[in-house]
C-alpha atoms as a PDB file:
ATOM      1  CA  UNK A   1       2.529  23.056 -22.844  1.00  0.00           C
ATOM      2  CA  UNK A   2       1.259  19.610 -21.819  1.00  0.00           C
ATOM      3  CA  UNK A   3       2.696  19.765 -18.138  1.00  0.00           C
ATOM      4  CA  UNK A   4       2.065  15.363 -16.885  1.00  0.00           C
ATOM      5  CA  UNK A   5       0.766  12.989 -17.310  1.00  0.00           C
ATOM      6  CA  UNK A   6      -2.951  12.451 -15.144  1.00  0.00           C
ATOM      7  CA  UNK A   7      -3.603   9.255 -15.751  1.00  0.00           C
ATOM      8  CA  UNK A   8      -3.014   5.721 -17.960  1.00  0.00           C
ATOM      9  CA  UNK A   9      -6.059   3.843 -18.661  1.00  0.00           C
ATOM     10  CA  UNK A  10      -6.098  -0.219 -19.543  1.00  0.00           C
ATOM     11  CA  UNK A  11      -7.707  -2.332 -20.944  1.00  0.00           C
ATOM     12  CA  UNK A  12      -9.061  -4.938 -19.041  1.00  0.00           C
ATOM     13  CA  UNK A  13     -11.306  -8.461 -20.352  1.00  0.00           C
ATOM     14  CA  UNK A  14     -11.282  -9.455 -16.594  1.00  0.00           C
ATOM     15  CA  UNK A  15     -11.144  -6.269 -13.808  1.00  0.00           C
ATOM     16  CA  UNK A  16     -11.278  -8.546 -10.700  1.00  0.00           C
ATOM     17  CA  UNK A  17      -8.333 -10.091 -12.108  1.00  0.00           C
ATOM     18  CA  UNK A  18      -6.839  -7.144 -13.049  1.00  0.00           C
ATOM     19  CA  UNK A  19      -7.596  -5.473  -9.408  1.00  0.00           C
ATOM     20  CA  UNK A  20      -5.967  -7.873  -8.239  1.00  0.00           C
ATOM     21  CA  UNK A  21      -2.933  -8.143  -9.070  1.00  0.00           C
ATOM     22  CA  UNK A  22      -3.059  -3.858  -9.266  1.00  0.00           C
ATOM     23  CA  UNK A  23      -4.027  -4.287  -4.854  1.00  0.00           C
ATOM     24  CA  UNK A  24      -0.707  -7.448  -4.926  1.00  0.00           C
ATOM     25  CA  UNK A  25       1.581  -4.136  -6.308  1.00  0.00           C
ATOM     26  CA  UNK A  26       0.453  -1.953  -3.447  1.00  0.00           C
ATOM     27  CA  UNK A  27      -1.681   0.560  -5.423  1.00  0.00           C
ATOM     28  CA  UNK A  28      -4.547   2.387  -3.818  1.00  0.00           C
ATOM     29  CA  UNK A  29      -8.080   1.947  -5.085  1.00  0.00           C
ATOM     30  CA  UNK A  30     -10.271   4.856  -5.517  1.00  0.00           C
ATOM     31  CA  UNK A  31     -12.659   4.795  -8.072  1.00  0.00           C
ATOM     32  CA  UNK A  32     -14.492   1.776  -9.072  1.00  0.00           C
ATOM     33  CA  UNK A  33     -13.563  -1.508  -7.828  1.00  0.00           C
ATOM     34  CA  UNK A  34     -13.151  -5.399  -9.128  1.00  0.00           C
ATOM     35  CA  UNK A  35     -16.848  -5.348 -10.019  1.00  0.00           C
ATOM     36  CA  UNK A  36     -16.771  -2.193 -11.570  1.00  0.00           C
ATOM     37  CA  UNK A  37     -16.216  -1.426 -15.917  1.00  0.00           C
ATOM     38  CA  UNK A  38     -13.421   1.229 -15.513  1.00  0.00           C
ATOM     39  CA  UNK A  39     -11.737   1.377 -12.261  1.00  0.00           C
ATOM     40  CA  UNK A  40      -8.959   4.039 -10.723  1.00  0.00           C
ATOM     41  CA  UNK A  41      -5.655   4.122  -8.365  1.00  0.00           C
ATOM     42  CA  UNK A  42      -4.013   6.369  -7.080  1.00  0.00           C
ATOM     43  CA  UNK A  43      -0.002   7.049  -8.439  1.00  0.00           C
ATOM     44  CA  UNK A  44       1.261  10.273  -6.047  1.00  0.00           C
ATOM     45  CA  UNK A  45      -0.607  13.137  -8.383  1.00  0.00           C
ATOM     46  CA  UNK A  46      -1.774  11.004 -11.379  1.00  0.00           C
ATOM     47  CA  UNK A  47      -4.355   7.926 -11.390  1.00  0.00           C
ATOM     48  CA  UNK A  48      -3.928   4.614 -13.159  1.00  0.00           C
ATOM     49  CA  UNK A  49      -7.224   3.470 -14.931  1.00  0.00           C
ATOM     50  CA  UNK A  50      -8.191   0.380 -16.212  1.00  0.00           C
ATOM     51  CA  UNK A  51     -11.271  -0.220 -17.888  1.00  0.00           C
ATOM     52  CA  UNK A  52     -13.106  -3.130 -19.138  1.00  0.00           C
ATOM     53  CA  UNK A  53     -13.660  -4.153 -22.748  1.00  0.00           C
ATOM     54  CA  UNK A  54     -15.487  -7.617 -24.466  1.00  0.00           C
ATOM     55  CA  UNK A  55     -13.601 -10.436 -24.634  1.00  0.00           C
ATOM     56  CA  UNK A  56     -13.687  -9.818 -28.673  1.00  0.00           C
ATOM     57  CA  UNK A  57     -11.725  -7.285 -28.307  1.00  0.00           C
ATOM     58  CA  UNK A  58      -8.154  -7.089 -28.108  1.00  0.00           C
ATOM     59  CA  UNK A  59      -4.667  -5.425 -27.972  1.00  0.00           C
ATOM     60  CA  UNK A  60      -0.678  -6.060 -29.411  1.00  0.00           C
ATOM     61  CA  UNK A  61       1.797  -4.654 -27.575  1.00  0.00           C
ATOM     62  CA  UNK A  62       1.863  -0.512 -27.001  1.00  0.00           C
ATOM     63  CA  UNK A  63       4.893   0.191 -24.490  1.00  0.00           C
ATOM     64  CA  UNK A  64       5.876  -0.441 -21.300  1.00  0.00           C
ATOM     65  CA  UNK A  65       4.756   1.223 -17.695  1.00  0.00           C
ATOM     66  CA  UNK A  66       8.076   1.888 -15.629  1.00  0.00           C
ATOM     67  CA  UNK A  67       6.542   3.095 -11.766  1.00  0.00           C
ATOM     68  CA  UNK A  68       9.275   3.899  -9.501  1.00  0.00           C
ATOM     69  CA  UNK A  69       8.710   2.287  -5.586  1.00  0.00           C
ATOM     70  CA  UNK A  70      12.027   2.847  -3.551  1.00  0.00           C
ATOM     71  CA  UNK A  71      12.043  -1.348  -2.812  1.00  0.00           C
ATOM     72  CA  UNK A  72      12.523  -2.765  -6.049  1.00  0.00           C
ATOM     73  CA  UNK A  73      13.427  -6.096  -4.197  1.00  0.00           C
ATOM     74  CA  UNK A  74      11.549  -6.193  -1.627  1.00  0.00           C
ATOM     75  CA  UNK A  75       8.651  -5.843  -4.027  1.00  0.00           C
ATOM     76  CA  UNK A  76       9.730  -8.294  -6.896  1.00  0.00           C
ATOM     77  CA  UNK A  77       9.935 -10.399  -3.666  1.00  0.00           C
ATOM     78  CA  UNK A  78       6.193 -10.077  -2.276  1.00  0.00           C
ATOM     79  CA  UNK A  79       4.709 -11.038  -5.970  1.00  0.00           C
ATOM     80  CA  UNK A  80       6.626 -13.631  -6.590  1.00  0.00           C
ATOM     81  CA  UNK A  81       5.419 -14.893  -2.850  1.00  0.00           C
ATOM     82  CA  UNK A  82       2.074 -13.907  -4.047  1.00  0.00           C
ATOM     83  CA  UNK A  83       2.298 -16.251  -6.862  1.00  0.00           C
ATOM     84  CA  UNK A  84       2.648 -13.670  -9.798  1.00  0.00           C
ATOM     85  CA  UNK A  85       5.886 -14.076 -11.551  1.00  0.00           C
ATOM     86  CA  UNK A  86       8.285 -11.688 -12.501  1.00  0.00           C
ATOM     87  CA  UNK A  87       9.218 -11.599 -15.606  1.00  0.00           C
ATOM     88  CA  UNK A  88      13.099 -11.058 -15.010  1.00  0.00           C
ATOM     89  CA  UNK A  89      15.015 -10.611 -11.882  1.00  0.00           C
ATOM     90  CA  UNK A  90      15.787  -7.037 -10.857  1.00  0.00           C
ATOM     91  CA  UNK A  91      18.765  -5.575 -11.648  1.00  0.00           C
ATOM     92  CA  UNK A  92      21.017  -2.241 -12.208  1.00  0.00           C
ATOM     93  CA  UNK A  93      20.865  -0.770 -15.474  1.00  0.00           C
ATOM     94  CA  UNK A  94      23.478   1.082 -16.810  1.00  0.00           C
ATOM     95  CA  UNK A  95      21.295   4.046 -17.303  1.00  0.00           C
ATOM     96  CA  UNK A  96      20.767   4.337 -13.472  1.00  0.00           C
ATOM     97  CA  UNK A  97      17.629   2.262 -12.201  1.00  0.00           C
ATOM     98  CA  UNK A  98      17.141  -0.960 -10.790  1.00  0.00           C
ATOM     99  CA  UNK A  99      14.876  -2.787 -12.047  1.00  0.00           C
ATOM    100  CA  UNK A 100      12.923  -6.002 -13.245  1.00  0.00           C
ATOM    101  CA  UNK A 101      10.404  -5.944 -15.089  1.00  0.00           C
ATOM    102  CA  UNK A 102       6.177  -7.948 -15.354  1.00  0.00           C
ATOM    103  CA  UNK A 103       3.100  -9.017 -17.301  1.00  0.00           C
ATOM    104  CA  UNK A 104      -0.052  -7.806 -15.599  1.00  0.00           C
ATOM    105  CA  UNK A 105      -2.813 -10.133 -16.463  1.00  0.00           C
ATOM    106  CA  UNK A 106      -4.073  -8.650 -19.694  1.00  0.00           C
ATOM    107  CA  UNK A 107      -0.386  -9.167 -21.322  1.00  0.00           C
ATOM    108  CA  UNK A 108      -0.081  -5.362 -21.042  1.00  0.00           C
ATOM    109  CA  UNK A 109       3.893  -5.061 -19.809  1.00  0.00           C
ATOM    110  CA  UNK A 110       4.831  -3.095 -16.533  1.00  0.00           C
ATOM    111  CA  UNK A 111       8.824  -2.556 -15.422  1.00  0.00           C
ATOM    112  CA  UNK A 112       8.894  -2.003 -11.726  1.00  0.00           C
ATOM    113  CA  UNK A 113      12.109   0.863 -11.362  1.00  0.00           C
ATOM    114  CA  UNK A 114      14.214   2.833  -8.568  1.00  0.00           C
ATOM    115  CA  UNK A 115      16.937   4.927  -8.684  1.00  0.00           C
ATOM    116  CA  UNK A 116      20.258   4.212  -7.891  1.00  0.00           C
ATOM    117  CA  UNK A 117      22.193   6.273  -5.700  1.00  0.00           C
ATOM    118  CA  UNK A 118      24.857   8.123  -7.146  1.00  0.00           C
ATOM    119  CA  UNK A 119      27.787   9.318  -5.121  1.00  0.00           C
ATOM    120  CA  UNK A 120      26.654  12.692  -4.934  1.00  0.00           C
ATOM    121  CA  UNK A 121      23.571  10.598  -2.937  1.00  0.00           C
ATOM    122  CA  UNK A 122      24.770   9.385   0.403  1.00  0.00           C
END
């Protein structure tokens, strides 16, 4: 039985730009970097990988990666202050998370979210 996702790998046409973007999100570099063909970031016990692809390699919408961050509003503000334009403002969702959407420099859709407190959590 599959127990968990170890890693998600996203393609990029510009490794340096992608590395800077994911470091801005606060991900810790585990391997590679701006000049590498393959880069890995640690996400708790998991990894987000980037793999360099030639400009001729194109991709279309594949889905959305959802990342949990306790300070959804703070991260949104830091991204905006750094010149990123998230796709949406932070908001509370009916399914019980606070979240916002953004798109990385290579067109991959991301959501930054955190579960809302319930009365039982207080």
